[in-house]
PDB file of N, CA and C in Angstrom:
ATOM      1  N   UNK A   1    -102.552  49.858 102.355  1.00  0.00           N
ATOM      2  CA  UNK A   1    -101.796  48.697 101.932  1.00  0.00           C
ATOM      3  C   UNK A   1    -101.519  48.848 100.434  1.00  0.00           C
ATOM      4  N   UNK A   2    -100.253  48.663 100.046  1.00  0.00           N
ATOM      5  CA  UNK A   2     -99.933  48.782  98.627  1.00  0.00           C
ATOM      6  C   UNK A   2     -99.951  47.408  97.943  1.00  0.00           C
ATOM      7  N   UNK A   3     -99.689  47.405  96.654  1.00  0.00           N
ATOM      8  CA  UNK A   3     -99.775  46.169  95.869  1.00  0.00           C
ATOM      9  C   UNK A   3     -98.796  45.096  96.333  1.00  0.00           C
ATOM     10  N   UNK A   4     -97.607  45.504  96.774  1.00  0.00           N
ATOM     11  CA  UNK A   4     -96.602  44.535  97.246  1.00  0.00           C
ATOM     12  C   UNK A   4     -97.094  43.862  98.530  1.00  0.00           C
ATOM     13  N   UNK A   5     -97.683  44.643  99.426  1.00  0.00           N
ATOM     14  CA  UNK A   5     -98.233  44.069 100.666  1.00  0.00           C
ATOM     15  C   UNK A   5     -99.302  43.027 100.352  1.00  0.00           C
ATOM     16  N   UNK A   6    -100.186  43.368  99.428  1.00  0.00           N
ATOM     17  CA  UNK A   6    -101.262  42.451  99.050  1.00  0.00           C
ATOM     18  C   UNK A   6    -100.664  41.190  98.425  1.00  0.00           C
ATOM     19  N   UNK A   7     -99.693  41.362  97.527  1.00  0.00           N
ATOM     20  CA  UNK A   7     -99.040  40.213  96.892  1.00  0.00           C
ATOM     21  C   UNK A   7     -98.439  39.287  97.944  1.00  0.00           C
ATOM     22  N   UNK A   8     -97.731  39.849  98.926  1.00  0.00           N
ATOM     23  CA  UNK A   8     -97.073  39.036  99.953  1.00  0.00           C
ATOM     24  C   UNK A   8     -98.089  38.327 100.846  1.00  0.00           C
ATOM     25  N   UNK A   9     -99.143  39.022 101.236  1.00  0.00           N
ATOM     26  CA  UNK A   9    -100.158  38.390 102.088  1.00  0.00           C
ATOM     27  C   UNK A   9    -100.890  37.267 101.345  1.00  0.00           C
ATOM     28  N   UNK A  10    -101.210  37.504 100.084  1.00  0.00           N
ATOM     29  CA  UNK A  10    -101.861  36.445  99.300  1.00  0.00           C
ATOM     30  C   UNK A  10    -100.925  35.263  99.091  1.00  0.00           C
ATOM     31  N   UNK A  11     -99.652  35.539  98.822  1.00  0.00           N
ATOM     32  CA  UNK A  11     -98.671  34.464  98.631  1.00  0.00           C
ATOM     33  C   UNK A  11     -98.507  33.668  99.919  1.00  0.00           C
ATOM     34  N   UNK A  12     -98.426  34.360 101.058  1.00  0.00           N
ATOM     35  CA  UNK A  12     -98.293  33.668 102.328  1.00  0.00           C
ATOM     36  C   UNK A  12     -99.500  32.771 102.578  1.00  0.00           C
ATOM     37  N   UNK A  13    -100.673  33.277 102.288  1.00  0.00           N
ATOM     38  CA  UNK A  13    -101.892  32.491 102.491  1.00  0.00           C
ATOM     39  C   UNK A  13    -101.845  31.205 101.661  1.00  0.00           C
ATOM     40  N   UNK A  14    -101.410  31.307 100.425  1.00  0.00           N
ATOM     41  CA  UNK A  14    -101.331  30.118  99.569  1.00  0.00           C
ATOM     42  C   UNK A  14    -100.250  29.161 100.077  1.00  0.00           C
ATOM     43  N   UNK A  15     -99.081  29.680 100.430  1.00  0.00           N
ATOM     44  CA  UNK A  15     -98.005  28.823 100.962  1.00  0.00           C
ATOM     45  C   UNK A  15     -98.458  28.122 102.236  1.00  0.00           C
ATOM     46  N   UNK A  16     -99.182  28.841 103.074  1.00  0.00           N
ATOM     47  CA  UNK A  16     -99.610  28.306 104.368  1.00  0.00           C
ATOM     48  C   UNK A  16    -100.615  27.162 104.225  1.00  0.00           C
ATOM     49  N   UNK A  17    -101.316  27.116 103.124  1.00  0.00           N
ATOM     50  CA  UNK A  17    -102.301  26.045 102.923  1.00  0.00           C
ATOM     51  C   UNK A  17    -101.643  24.672 102.910  1.00  0.00           C
ATOM     52  N   UNK A  18    -100.370  24.619 102.552  1.00  0.00           N
ATOM     53  CA  UNK A  18     -99.662  23.346 102.523  1.00  0.00           C
ATOM     54  C   UNK A  18     -98.883  23.060 103.798  1.00  0.00           C
ATOM     55  N   UNK A  19     -99.110  23.874 104.822  1.00  0.00           N
ATOM     56  CA  UNK A  19     -98.347  23.723 106.072  1.00  0.00           C
ATOM     57  C   UNK A  19     -98.553  22.339 106.682  1.00  0.00           C
ATOM     58  N   UNK A  20     -97.455  21.768 107.135  1.00  0.00           N
ATOM     59  CA  UNK A  20     -97.521  20.492 107.849  1.00  0.00           C
ATOM     60  C   UNK A  20     -97.768  20.761 109.332  1.00  0.00           C
ATOM     61  N   UNK A  21     -98.511  19.852 109.957  1.00  0.00           N
ATOM     62  CA  UNK A  21     -98.862  19.992 111.364  1.00  0.00           C
ATOM     63  C   UNK A  21     -98.556  18.673 112.066  1.00  0.00           C
ATOM     64  N   UNK A  22     -98.002  18.757 113.271  1.00  0.00           N
ATOM     65  CA  UNK A  22     -97.735  17.568 114.082  1.00  0.00           C
ATOM     66  C   UNK A  22     -98.613  17.620 115.326  1.00  0.00           C
ATOM     67  N   UNK A  23     -98.439  16.646 116.192  1.00  0.00           N
ATOM     68  CA  UNK A  23     -99.195  16.630 117.452  1.00  0.00           C
ATOM     69  C   UNK A  23     -98.899  17.852 118.304  1.00  0.00           C
ATOM     70  N   UNK A  24     -97.714  18.421 118.150  1.00  0.00           N
ATOM     71  CA  UNK A  24     -97.332  19.576 118.961  1.00  0.00           C
ATOM     72  C   UNK A  24     -97.745  20.898 118.325  1.00  0.00           C
ATOM     73  N   UNK A  25     -98.222  20.874 117.085  1.00  0.00           N
ATOM     74  CA  UNK A  25     -98.680  22.093 116.433  1.00  0.00           C
ATOM     75  C   UNK A  25     -98.120  22.253 115.035  1.00  0.00           C
ATOM     76  N   UNK A  26     -98.321  23.434 114.449  1.00  0.00           N
ATOM     77  CA  UNK A  26     -97.875  23.663 113.081  1.00  0.00           C
ATOM     78  C   UNK A  26     -96.357  23.745 112.985  1.00  0.00           C
ATOM     79  N   UNK A  27     -95.830  23.279 111.858  1.00  0.00           N
ATOM     80  CA  UNK A  27     -94.403  23.381 111.575  1.00  0.00           C
ATOM     81  C   UNK A  27     -94.147  24.615 110.720  1.00  0.00           C
ATOM     82  N   UNK A  28     -92.936  25.155 110.767  1.00  0.00           N
ATOM     83  CA  UNK A  28     -92.614  26.298 109.909  1.00  0.00           C
ATOM     84  C   UNK A  28     -92.710  25.914 108.429  1.00  0.00           C
ATOM     85  N   UNK A  29     -92.999  26.905 107.603  1.00  0.00           N
ATOM     86  CA  UNK A  29     -92.958  26.665 106.166  1.00  0.00           C
ATOM     87  C   UNK A  29     -91.526  26.333 105.766  1.00  0.00           C
ATOM     88  N   UNK A  30     -91.388  25.523 104.746  1.00  0.00           N
ATOM     89  CA  UNK A  30     -90.051  25.165 104.272  1.00  0.00           C
ATOM     90  C   UNK A  30     -89.695  26.001 103.045  1.00  0.00           C
ATOM     91  N   UNK A  31     -88.427  25.994 102.714  1.00  0.00           N
ATOM     92  CA  UNK A  31     -87.983  26.664 101.494  1.00  0.00           C
ATOM     93  C   UNK A  31     -88.712  26.066 100.293  1.00  0.00           C
ATOM     94  N   UNK A  32     -88.926  24.755 100.322  1.00  0.00           N
ATOM     95  CA  UNK A  32     -89.632  24.090  99.222  1.00  0.00           C
ATOM     96  C   UNK A  32     -91.055  24.632  99.075  1.00  0.00           C
ATOM     97  N   UNK A  33     -91.742  24.886 100.195  1.00  0.00           N
ATOM     98  CA  UNK A  33     -93.101  25.440 100.154  1.00  0.00           C
ATOM     99  C   UNK A  33     -93.121  26.763  99.386  1.00  0.00           C
ATOM    100  N   UNK A  34     -92.153  27.617  99.686  1.00  0.00           N
ATOM    101  CA  UNK A  34     -92.103  28.936  99.063  1.00  0.00           C
ATOM    102  C   UNK A  34     -91.616  28.826  97.613  1.00  0.00           C
ATOM    103  N   UNK A  35     -90.652  27.956  97.371  1.00  0.00           N
ATOM    104  CA  UNK A  35     -90.148  27.764  96.008  1.00  0.00           C
ATOM    105  C   UNK A  35     -91.253  27.242  95.094  1.00  0.00           C
ATOM    106  N   UNK A  36     -92.057  26.319  95.601  1.00  0.00           N
ATOM    107  CA  UNK A  36     -93.186  25.817  94.814  1.00  0.00           C
ATOM    108  C   UNK A  36     -94.118  26.954  94.411  1.00  0.00           C
ATOM    109  N   UNK A  37     -94.366  27.866  95.341  1.00  0.00           N
ATOM    110  CA  UNK A  37     -95.209  29.020  95.024  1.00  0.00           C
ATOM    111  C   UNK A  37     -94.561  29.855  93.917  1.00  0.00           C
ATOM    112  N   UNK A  38     -93.269  30.154  94.071  1.00  0.00           N
ATOM    113  CA  UNK A  38     -92.581  30.999  93.087  1.00  0.00           C
ATOM    114  C   UNK A  38     -92.535  30.355  91.703  1.00  0.00           C
ATOM    115  N   UNK A  39     -92.444  29.040  91.666  1.00  0.00           N
ATOM    116  CA  UNK A  39     -92.441  28.357  90.366  1.00  0.00           C
ATOM    117  C   UNK A  39     -93.804  28.457  89.691  1.00  0.00           C
ATOM    118  N   UNK A  40     -94.857  28.439  90.462  1.00  0.00           N
ATOM    119  CA  UNK A  40     -96.212  28.521  89.910  1.00  0.00           C
ATOM    120  C   UNK A  40     -96.640  29.965  89.641  1.00  0.00           C
ATOM    121  N   UNK A  41     -96.180  30.882  90.490  1.00  0.00           N
ATOM    122  CA  UNK A  41     -96.603  32.283  90.402  1.00  0.00           C
ATOM    123  C   UNK A  41     -95.393  33.212  90.526  1.00  0.00           C
ATOM    124  N   UNK A  42     -94.624  33.422  89.462  1.00  0.00           N
ATOM    125  CA  UNK A  42     -93.474  34.339  89.541  1.00  0.00           C
ATOM    126  C   UNK A  42     -93.937  35.728  89.996  1.00  0.00           C
ATOM    127  N   UNK A  43     -93.080  36.416  90.728  1.00  0.00           N
ATOM    128  CA  UNK A  43     -93.436  37.740  91.246  1.00  0.00           C
ATOM    129  C   UNK A  43     -92.479  38.793  90.712  1.00  0.00           C
ATOM    130  N   UNK A  44     -92.817  40.042  90.967  1.00  0.00           N
ATOM    131  CA  UNK A  44     -91.956  41.155  90.561  1.00  0.00           C
ATOM    132  C   UNK A  44     -90.820  41.369  91.555  1.00  0.00           C
ATOM    133  N   UNK A  45     -90.855  40.684  92.689  1.00  0.00           N
ATOM    134  CA  UNK A  45     -89.806  40.822  93.707  1.00  0.00           C
ATOM    135  C   UNK A  45     -88.654  39.872  93.422  1.00  0.00           C
ATOM    136  N   UNK A  46     -87.452  40.265  93.852  1.00  0.00           N
ATOM    137  CA  UNK A  46     -86.360  39.308  93.759  1.00  0.00           C
ATOM    138  C   UNK A  46     -86.604  38.208  94.790  1.00  0.00           C
ATOM    139  N   UNK A  47     -86.101  37.019  94.512  1.00  0.00           N
ATOM    140  CA  UNK A  47     -86.407  35.853  95.349  1.00  0.00           C
ATOM    141  C   UNK A  47     -85.991  36.041  96.803  1.00  0.00           C
ATOM    142  N   UNK A  48     -84.820  36.619  97.053  1.00  0.00           N
ATOM    143  CA  UNK A  48     -84.353  36.774  98.428  1.00  0.00           C
ATOM    144  C   UNK A  48     -85.319  37.634  99.241  1.00  0.00           C
ATOM    145  N   UNK A  49     -85.756  38.741  98.662  1.00  0.00           N
ATOM    146  CA  UNK A  49     -86.716  39.614  99.350  1.00  0.00           C
ATOM    147  C   UNK A  49     -88.019  38.873  99.604  1.00  0.00           C
ATOM    148  N   UNK A  50     -88.466  38.117  98.620  1.00  0.00           N
ATOM    149  CA  UNK A  50     -89.709  37.364  98.754  1.00  0.00           C
ATOM    150  C   UNK A  50     -89.599  36.330  99.872  1.00  0.00           C
ATOM    151  N   UNK A  51     -88.506  35.540  99.867  1.00  0.00           N
ATOM    152  CA  UNK A  51     -88.311  34.531 100.920  1.00  0.00           C
ATOM    153  C   UNK A  51     -88.288  35.188 102.296  1.00  0.00           C
ATOM    154  N   UNK A  52     -87.544  36.273 102.422  1.00  0.00           N
ATOM    155  CA  UNK A  52     -87.449  36.953 103.722  1.00  0.00           C
ATOM    156  C   UNK A  52     -88.809  37.415 104.215  1.00  0.00           C
ATOM    157  N   UNK A  53     -89.607  37.972 103.327  1.00  0.00           N
ATOM    158  CA  UNK A  53     -90.926  38.471 103.720  1.00  0.00           C
ATOM    159  C   UNK A  53     -91.857  37.324 104.119  1.00  0.00           C
ATOM    160  N   UNK A  54     -91.877  36.255 103.334  1.00  0.00           N
ATOM    161  CA  UNK A  54     -92.761  35.125 103.639  1.00  0.00           C
ATOM    162  C   UNK A  54     -92.342  34.471 104.951  1.00  0.00           C
ATOM    163  N   UNK A  55     -91.040  34.290 105.166  1.00  0.00           N
ATOM    164  CA  UNK A  55     -90.592  33.661 106.413  1.00  0.00           C
ATOM    165  C   UNK A  55     -90.814  34.572 107.616  1.00  0.00           C
ATOM    166  N   UNK A  56     -90.754  35.885 107.433  1.00  0.00           N
ATOM    167  CA  UNK A  56     -91.066  36.806 108.536  1.00  0.00           C
ATOM    168  C   UNK A  56     -92.548  36.692 108.906  1.00  0.00           C
ATOM    169  N   UNK A  57     -93.420  36.634 107.891  1.00  0.00           N
ATOM    170  CA  UNK A  57     -94.851  36.440 108.164  1.00  0.00           C
ATOM    171  C   UNK A  57     -95.090  35.099 108.854  1.00  0.00           C
ATOM    172  N   UNK A  58     -94.379  34.077 108.403  1.00  0.00           N
ATOM    173  CA  UNK A  58     -94.540  32.751 109.000  1.00  0.00           C
ATOM    174  C   UNK A  58     -94.106  32.758 110.463  1.00  0.00           C
ATOM    175  N   UNK A  59     -92.982  33.407 110.752  1.00  0.00           N
ATOM    176  CA  UNK A  59     -92.521  33.492 112.143  1.00  0.00           C
ATOM    177  C   UNK A  59     -93.552  34.194 113.023  1.00  0.00           C
ATOM    178  N   UNK A  60     -94.140  35.280 112.520  1.00  0.00           N
ATOM    179  CA  UNK A  60     -95.163  35.993 113.287  1.00  0.00           C
ATOM    180  C   UNK A  60     -96.380  35.106 113.522  1.00  0.00           C
ATOM    181  N   UNK A  61     -96.777  34.360 112.518  1.00  0.00           N
ATOM    182  CA  UNK A  61     -97.931  33.474 112.626  1.00  0.00           C
ATOM    183  C   UNK A  61     -97.668  32.364 113.652  1.00  0.00           C
ATOM    184  N   UNK A  62     -96.484  31.756 113.579  1.00  0.00           N
ATOM    185  CA  UNK A  62     -96.147  30.680 114.513  1.00  0.00           C
ATOM    186  C   UNK A  62     -96.030  31.199 115.946  1.00  0.00           C
ATOM    187  N   UNK A  63     -95.392  32.357 116.120  1.00  0.00           N
ATOM    188  CA  UNK A  63     -95.278  32.940 117.458  1.00  0.00           C
ATOM    189  C   UNK A  63     -96.657  33.197 118.042  1.00  0.00           C
ATOM    190  N   UNK A  64     -97.542  33.744 117.237  1.00  0.00           N
ATOM    191  CA  UNK A  64     -98.910  34.010 117.692  1.00  0.00           C
ATOM    192  C   UNK A  64     -99.607  32.711 118.085  1.00  0.00           C
ATOM    193  N   UNK A  65     -99.459  31.681 117.260  1.00  0.00           N
ATOM    194  CA  UNK A  65    -100.097  30.396 117.565  1.00  0.00           C
ATOM    195  C   UNK A  65     -99.593  29.834 118.895  1.00  0.00           C
ATOM    196  N   UNK A  66     -98.273  29.784 119.049  1.00  0.00           N
ATOM    197  CA  UNK A  66     -97.721  29.170 120.256  1.00  0.00           C
ATOM    198  C   UNK A  66     -97.931  30.038 121.494  1.00  0.00           C
ATOM    199  N   UNK A  67     -97.959  31.368 121.336  1.00  0.00           N
ATOM    200  CA  UNK A  67     -98.259  32.234 122.481  1.00  0.00           C
ATOM    201  C   UNK A  67     -99.696  32.023 122.957  1.00  0.00           C
ATOM    202  N   UNK A  68    -100.603  31.793 122.026  1.00  0.00           N
ATOM    203  CA  UNK A  68    -102.015  31.619 122.377  1.00  0.00           C
ATOM    204  C   UNK A  68    -102.370  30.185 122.762  1.00  0.00           C
ATOM    205  N   UNK A  69    -101.432  29.260 122.620  1.00  0.00           N
ATOM    206  CA  UNK A  69    -101.719  27.858 122.918  1.00  0.00           C
ATOM    207  C   UNK A  69    -100.712  27.258 123.892  1.00  0.00           C
ATOM    208  N   UNK A  70    -100.212  28.089 124.799  1.00  0.00           N
ATOM    209  CA  UNK A  70     -99.300  27.581 125.818  1.00  0.00           C
ATOM    210  C   UNK A  70    -100.062  26.682 126.771  1.00  0.00           C
ATOM    211  N   UNK A  71     -99.401  25.625 127.263  1.00  0.00           N
ATOM    212  CA  UNK A  71    -100.091  24.773 128.247  1.00  0.00           C
ATOM    213  C   UNK A  71    -100.407  25.577 129.507  1.00  0.00           C
ATOM    214  N   UNK A  72    -101.567  25.352 130.053  1.00  0.00           N
ATOM    215  CA  UNK A  72    -101.952  26.038 131.284  1.00  0.00           C
ATOM    216  C   UNK A  72    -101.192  25.411 132.451  1.00  0.00           C
ATOM    217  N   UNK A  73    -100.707  26.255 133.344  1.00  0.00           N
ATOM    218  CA  UNK A  73     -99.928  25.785 134.485  1.00  0.00           C
ATOM    219  C   UNK A  73    -100.677  26.132 135.764  1.00  0.00           C
ATOM    220  N   UNK A  74    -100.810  25.148 136.627  1.00  0.00           N
ATOM    221  CA  UNK A  74    -101.483  25.336 137.910  1.00  0.00           C
ATOM    222  C   UNK A  74    -100.399  25.480 138.975  1.00  0.00           C
ATOM    223  N   UNK A  75    -100.456  26.566 139.748  1.00  0.00           N
ATOM    224  CA  UNK A  75     -99.464  26.782 140.802  1.00  0.00           C
ATOM    225  C   UNK A  75    -100.028  26.312 142.130  1.00  0.00           C
ATOM    226  N   UNK A  76     -99.261  25.448 142.790  1.00  0.00           N
ATOM    227  CA  UNK A  76     -99.636  25.001 144.135  1.00  0.00           C
ATOM    228  C   UNK A  76     -98.399  24.986 145.008  1.00  0.00           C
ATOM    229  N   UNK A  77     -98.505  25.532 146.168  1.00  0.00           N
ATOM    230  CA  UNK A  77     -97.424  25.522 147.162  1.00  0.00           C
ATOM    231  C   UNK A  77     -96.089  25.967 146.578  1.00  0.00           C
ATOM    232  N   UNK A  78     -96.126  27.026 145.725  1.00  0.00           N
ATOM    233  CA  UNK A  78     -94.887  27.543 145.168  1.00  0.00           C
ATOM    234  C   UNK A  78     -94.313  26.724 144.022  1.00  0.00           C
ATOM    235  N   UNK A  79     -94.972  25.652 143.647  1.00  0.00           N
ATOM    236  CA  UNK A  79     -94.487  24.813 142.533  1.00  0.00           C
ATOM    237  C   UNK A  79     -95.480  24.922 141.388  1.00  0.00           C
ATOM    238  N   UNK A  80     -94.947  24.871 140.178  1.00  0.00           N
ATOM    239  CA  UNK A  80     -95.805  24.881 139.002  1.00  0.00           C
ATOM    240  C   UNK A  80     -95.960  23.471 138.469  1.00  0.00           C
ATOM    241  N   UNK A  81     -97.179  23.083 138.194  1.00  0.00           N
ATOM    242  CA  UNK A  81     -97.446  21.782 137.607  1.00  0.00           C
ATOM    243  C   UNK A  81     -98.413  21.949 136.454  1.00  0.00           C
ATOM    244  N   UNK A  82     -98.166  21.254 135.344  1.00  0.00           N
ATOM    245  CA  UNK A  82     -99.096  21.352 134.214  1.00  0.00           C
ATOM    246  C   UNK A  82    -100.461  20.797 134.590  1.00  0.00           C
ATOM    247  N   UNK A  83    -101.498  21.400 134.016  1.00  0.00           N
ATOM    248  CA  UNK A  83    -102.863  20.935 134.260  1.00  0.00           C
ATOM    249  C   UNK A  83    -103.158  19.695 133.472  1.00  0.00           C
TER     250      UNK A  83
END
């Protein structure tokens, strides 16, 4: 892992601490979440690259969360019904 990877992972971790959560689960990070980070901790990356990387990490995190927390479905007589 190089210095840029470490910078992005640490930045994502800090941005994620402010993540909003609803009854249905976590919400995506907002542009404001990432902008707040950049205002407090300027980086050597251009902003567009930084935003793209943080939002890609966020998408992976959200996909993982929702894939691992799908409602369980009970199949009976060829029909699916939520448990």
